[in-house]
Amino acid sequence: MSISDIYSSGAHKKNLGHFASIVKLAMADDVITEGEQQLLERLAKRLNIGEDEYKKIVKNPNKYPINPPVSYDARIERLYNLTKMIYADDEVSKDEVSILHRIVIGLGFPQDNADKVSDEAIHLVMNDNDLDDFTLAIKRVNSI
């Protein structure tokens, strides 16, 4: 097995874990809405998640661990994607916020700042901020 094979399989495992986190958020209210379904399908394509993998993840998203990227900016981008899923149905439930809070910690944000980061992320997505503005704002909120 070559180095590129090892890297690509590791990257794919991270994508599977990230996609599973997104599915957990979509299923927080036990229903995947049409908006959530569309976002899941787009993200699955972008993350190179095949149809079989997609079905397995939707069936049991808890089977896949969070594998946070090393890069701080990549972690913020993951947070952006996750938060977009929360607001895909134009609602934010307490269960979704609770799951996002745990995922924020799993992504490597400090536990004592996870509430601020989660709240700011939701606020930014609700106000339709793009990834660049989102990144700057999260960095400001997370600076200790």
C-alpha atoms as a PDB file:
ATOM      1  CA  MET A   1       0.000   0.000   0.000  1.00  0.00           C
ATOM      2  CA  SER A   2       1.395   3.368  -0.996  1.00  0.00           C
ATOM      3  CA  ILE A   3       1.457   6.548   1.090  1.00  0.00           C
ATOM      4  CA  SER A   4      -1.226   8.088  -1.134  1.00  0.00           C
ATOM      5  CA  ASP A   5      -3.511   5.086  -0.480  1.00  0.00           C
ATOM      6  CA  ILE A   6      -3.072   5.490   3.267  1.00  0.00           C
ATOM      7  CA  TYR A   7      -3.747   9.227   3.083  1.00  0.00           C
ATOM      8  CA  SER A   8      -6.798   8.871   0.870  1.00  0.00           C
ATOM      9  CA  SER A   9      -8.334   6.196   3.082  1.00  0.00           C
ATOM     10  CA  GLY A  10      -7.657   8.363   6.164  1.00  0.00           C
ATOM     11  CA  ALA A  11      -9.178  11.381   4.476  1.00  0.00           C
ATOM     12  CA  HIS A  12     -12.182   9.311   3.448  1.00  0.00           C
ATOM     13  CA  LYS A  13     -12.655   8.102   7.044  1.00  0.00           C
ATOM     14  CA  LYS A  14     -12.657  11.731   8.173  1.00  0.00           C
ATOM     15  CA  ASN A  15     -15.264  12.513   5.512  1.00  0.00           C
ATOM     16  CA  LEU A  16     -17.408   9.587   6.688  1.00  0.00           C
ATOM     17  CA  GLY A  17     -17.215  10.820  10.283  1.00  0.00           C
ATOM     18  CA  HIS A  18     -18.048  14.369   9.231  1.00  0.00           C
ATOM     19  CA  PHE A  19     -20.987  13.207   7.144  1.00  0.00           C
ATOM     20  CA  ALA A  20     -22.245  11.080  10.050  1.00  0.00           C
ATOM     21  CA  SER A  21     -22.171  14.176  12.284  1.00  0.00           C
ATOM     22  CA  ILE A  22     -24.229  16.041   9.703  1.00  0.00           C
ATOM     23  CA  VAL A  23     -26.722  13.158   9.571  1.00  0.00           C
ATOM     24  CA  LYS A  24     -26.990  13.201  13.393  1.00  0.00           C
ATOM     25  CA  LEU A  25     -27.992  16.850  13.219  1.00  0.00           C
ATOM     26  CA  ALA A  26     -30.483  16.210  10.432  1.00  0.00           C
ATOM     27  CA  MET A  27     -32.059  13.392  12.449  1.00  0.00           C
ATOM     28  CA  ALA A  28     -32.104  15.262  15.774  1.00  0.00           C
ATOM     29  CA  ASP A  29     -35.861  15.794  15.457  1.00  0.00           C
ATOM     30  CA  ASP A  30     -36.379  12.248  14.082  1.00  0.00           C
ATOM     31  CA  VAL A  31     -37.359  13.616  10.656  1.00  0.00           C
ATOM     32  CA  ILE A  32     -35.213  14.444   7.641  1.00  0.00           C
ATOM     33  CA  THR A  33     -36.974  17.287   5.847  1.00  0.00           C
ATOM     34  CA  GLU A  34     -36.758  17.915   2.119  1.00  0.00           C
ATOM     35  CA  GLY A  35     -34.259  20.756   2.678  1.00  0.00           C
ATOM     36  CA  GLU A  36     -32.124  18.552   4.897  1.00  0.00           C
ATOM     37  CA  GLN A  37     -32.288  15.712   2.360  1.00  0.00           C
ATOM     38  CA  GLN A  38     -31.110  18.002  -0.436  1.00  0.00           C
ATOM     39  CA  LEU A  39     -28.221  19.274   1.668  1.00  0.00           C
ATOM     40  CA  LEU A  40     -27.259  15.712   2.638  1.00  0.00           C
ATOM     41  CA  GLU A  41     -27.188  14.647  -1.003  1.00  0.00           C
ATOM     42  CA  ARG A  42     -25.042  17.631  -2.019  1.00  0.00           C
ATOM     43  CA  LEU A  43     -22.604  17.080   0.826  1.00  0.00           C
ATOM     44  CA  ALA A  44     -22.407  13.341   0.143  1.00  0.00           C
ATOM     45  CA  LYS A  45     -21.308  14.079  -3.424  1.00  0.00           C
ATOM     46  CA  ARG A  46     -18.807  16.706  -2.295  1.00  0.00           C
ATOM     47  CA  LEU A  47     -17.358  14.358   0.335  1.00  0.00           C
ATOM     48  CA  ASN A  48     -17.215  11.395  -2.095  1.00  0.00           C
ATOM     49  CA  ILE A  49     -19.682   9.328  -0.075  1.00  0.00           C
ATOM     50  CA  GLY A  50     -21.052   6.492  -2.216  1.00  0.00           C
ATOM     51  CA  GLU A  51     -24.686   5.406  -2.217  1.00  0.00           C
ATOM     52  CA  ASP A  52     -24.033   2.302  -0.078  1.00  0.00           C
ATOM     53  CA  GLU A  53     -22.017   4.306   2.441  1.00  0.00           C
ATOM     54  CA  TYR A  54     -24.738   6.957   2.449  1.00  0.00           C
ATOM     55  CA  LYS A  55     -27.402   4.399   3.351  1.00  0.00           C
ATOM     56  CA  LYS A  56     -25.245   2.841   6.103  1.00  0.00           C
ATOM     57  CA  ILE A  57     -24.519   6.220   7.662  1.00  0.00           C
ATOM     58  CA  VAL A  58     -28.167   7.317   7.597  1.00  0.00           C
ATOM     59  CA  LYS A  59     -29.145   3.995   9.175  1.00  0.00           C
ATOM     60  CA  ASN A  60     -26.598   4.292  12.026  1.00  0.00           C
ATOM     61  CA  PRO A  61     -24.680   7.603  12.172  1.00  0.00           C
ATOM     62  CA  ASN A  62     -23.427   6.885  15.707  1.00  0.00           C
ATOM     63  CA  LYS A  63     -21.205   4.126  14.342  1.00  0.00           C
ATOM     64  CA  TYR A  64     -18.834   6.712  12.835  1.00  0.00           C
ATOM     65  CA  PRO A  65     -16.496   8.724  15.086  1.00  0.00           C
ATOM     66  CA  ILE A  66     -15.718  12.410  14.703  1.00  0.00           C
ATOM     67  CA  ASN A  67     -12.282  12.687  13.105  1.00  0.00           C
ATOM     68  CA  PRO A  68     -11.441  16.384  13.266  1.00  0.00           C
ATOM     69  CA  PRO A  69      -9.066  17.842  10.705  1.00  0.00           C
ATOM     70  CA  VAL A  70      -5.720  19.084  11.956  1.00  0.00           C
ATOM     71  CA  SER A  71      -6.135  22.498  10.338  1.00  0.00           C
ATOM     72  CA  TYR A  72      -8.040  25.075  12.384  1.00  0.00           C
ATOM     73  CA  ASP A  73      -9.597  26.540   9.221  1.00  0.00           C
ATOM     74  CA  ALA A  74     -10.723  23.071   8.111  1.00  0.00           C
ATOM     75  CA  ARG A  75     -12.367  22.541  11.515  1.00  0.00           C
ATOM     76  CA  ILE A  76     -14.187  25.845  11.131  1.00  0.00           C
ATOM     77  CA  GLU A  77     -15.335  24.813   7.648  1.00  0.00           C
ATOM     78  CA  ARG A  78     -16.674  21.557   9.107  1.00  0.00           C
ATOM     79  CA  LEU A  79     -18.499  23.570  11.754  1.00  0.00           C
ATOM     80  CA  TYR A  80     -19.971  25.733   8.982  1.00  0.00           C
ATOM     81  CA  ASN A  81     -21.302  22.667   7.126  1.00  0.00           C
ATOM     82  CA  LEU A  82     -22.737  21.219  10.320  1.00  0.00           C
ATOM     83  CA  THR A  83     -24.444  24.458  11.252  1.00  0.00           C
ATOM     84  CA  LYS A  84     -25.899  24.786   7.750  1.00  0.00           C
ATOM     85  CA  MET A  85     -27.579  21.416   8.345  1.00  0.00           C
ATOM     86  CA  ILE A  86     -29.153  22.642  11.562  1.00  0.00           C
ATOM     87  CA  TYR A  87     -30.798  25.503   9.720  1.00  0.00           C
ATOM     88  CA  ALA A  88     -31.657  23.575   6.523  1.00  0.00           C
ATOM     89  CA  ASP A  89     -35.255  23.223   7.712  1.00  0.00           C
ATOM     90  CA  ASP A  90     -35.413  26.900   8.816  1.00  0.00           C
ATOM     91  CA  GLU A  91     -35.686  25.830  12.464  1.00  0.00           C
ATOM     92  CA  VAL A  92     -33.203  25.255  15.264  1.00  0.00           C
ATOM     93  CA  SER A  93     -34.284  22.779  17.955  1.00  0.00           C
ATOM     94  CA  LYS A  94     -32.820  22.286  21.425  1.00  0.00           C
ATOM     95  CA  ASP A  95     -31.766  18.771  20.441  1.00  0.00           C
ATOM     96  CA  GLU A  96     -29.850  20.100  17.432  1.00  0.00           C
ATOM     97  CA  VAL A  97     -28.096  22.700  19.585  1.00  0.00           C
ATOM     98  CA  SER A  98     -27.167  20.020  22.116  1.00  0.00           C
ATOM     99  CA  ILE A  99     -25.729  17.754  19.419  1.00  0.00           C
ATOM    100  CA  LEU A 100     -23.862  20.665  17.826  1.00  0.00           C
ATOM    101  CA  HIS A 101     -22.358  21.549  21.215  1.00  0.00           C
ATOM    102  CA  ARG A 102     -20.959  18.009  21.584  1.00  0.00           C
ATOM    103  CA  ILE A 103     -19.661  18.024  18.015  1.00  0.00           C
ATOM    104  CA  VAL A 104     -17.971  21.406  18.565  1.00  0.00           C
ATOM    105  CA  ILE A 105     -16.013  19.821  21.419  1.00  0.00           C
ATOM    106  CA  GLY A 106     -15.293  16.766  19.241  1.00  0.00           C
ATOM    107  CA  LEU A 107     -13.932  19.072  16.536  1.00  0.00           C
ATOM    108  CA  GLY A 108     -11.349  20.320  19.010  1.00  0.00           C
ATOM    109  CA  PHE A 109     -12.790  23.620  20.174  1.00  0.00           C
ATOM    110  CA  PRO A 110     -12.200  24.290  23.894  1.00  0.00           C
ATOM    111  CA  GLN A 111     -14.906  22.802  26.090  1.00  0.00           C
ATOM    112  CA  ASP A 112     -15.273  25.989  28.135  1.00  0.00           C
ATOM    113  CA  ASN A 113     -15.911  27.988  24.947  1.00  0.00           C
ATOM    114  CA  ALA A 114     -18.138  25.472  23.128  1.00  0.00           C
ATOM    115  CA  ASP A 115     -21.398  27.245  24.014  1.00  0.00           C
ATOM    116  CA  LYS A 116     -20.159  30.563  22.610  1.00  0.00           C
ATOM    117  CA  VAL A 117     -18.842  28.927  19.446  1.00  0.00           C
ATOM    118  CA  SER A 118     -22.081  26.955  18.924  1.00  0.00           C
ATOM    119  CA  ASP A 119     -24.310  29.983  19.519  1.00  0.00           C
ATOM    120  CA  GLU A 120     -22.245  32.199  17.223  1.00  0.00           C
ATOM    121  CA  ALA A 121     -22.184  29.555  14.498  1.00  0.00           C
ATOM    122  CA  ILE A 122     -25.969  29.256  14.564  1.00  0.00           C
ATOM    123  CA  HIS A 123     -26.400  33.043  14.592  1.00  0.00           C
ATOM    124  CA  LEU A 124     -24.062  33.434  11.598  1.00  0.00           C
ATOM    125  CA  VAL A 125     -25.797  30.770   9.509  1.00  0.00           C
ATOM    126  CA  MET A 126     -29.251  32.124  10.358  1.00  0.00           C
ATOM    127  CA  ASN A 127     -28.056  35.501   9.054  1.00  0.00           C
ATOM    128  CA  ASP A 128     -26.777  33.868   5.835  1.00  0.00           C
ATOM    129  CA  ASN A 129     -23.082  34.644   6.325  1.00  0.00           C
ATOM    130  CA  ASP A 130     -20.708  33.042   3.848  1.00  0.00           C
ATOM    131  CA  LEU A 131     -17.788  30.820   4.855  1.00  0.00           C
ATOM    132  CA  ASP A 132     -15.265  33.680   4.907  1.00  0.00           C
ATOM    133  CA  ASP A 133     -17.346  35.843   7.260  1.00  0.00           C
ATOM    134  CA  PHE A 134     -18.207  32.765   9.321  1.00  0.00           C
ATOM    135  CA  THR A 135     -14.510  31.878   9.690  1.00  0.00           C
ATOM    136  CA  LEU A 136     -13.546  35.376  10.835  1.00  0.00           C
ATOM    137  CA  ALA A 137     -16.376  35.553  13.358  1.00  0.00           C
ATOM    138  CA  ILE A 138     -15.677  32.120  14.833  1.00  0.00           C
ATOM    139  CA  LYS A 139     -11.998  32.994  15.182  1.00  0.00           C
ATOM    140  CA  ARG A 140     -12.981  36.168  17.074  1.00  0.00           C
ATOM    141  CA  VAL A 141     -15.356  34.289  19.375  1.00  0.00           C
ATOM    142  CA  ASN A 142     -12.874  31.483  19.967  1.00  0.00           C
ATOM    143  CA  SER A 143      -9.867  33.675  20.704  1.00  0.00           C
ATOM    144  CA  ILE A 144      -8.982  33.226  24.316  1.00  0.00           C
END
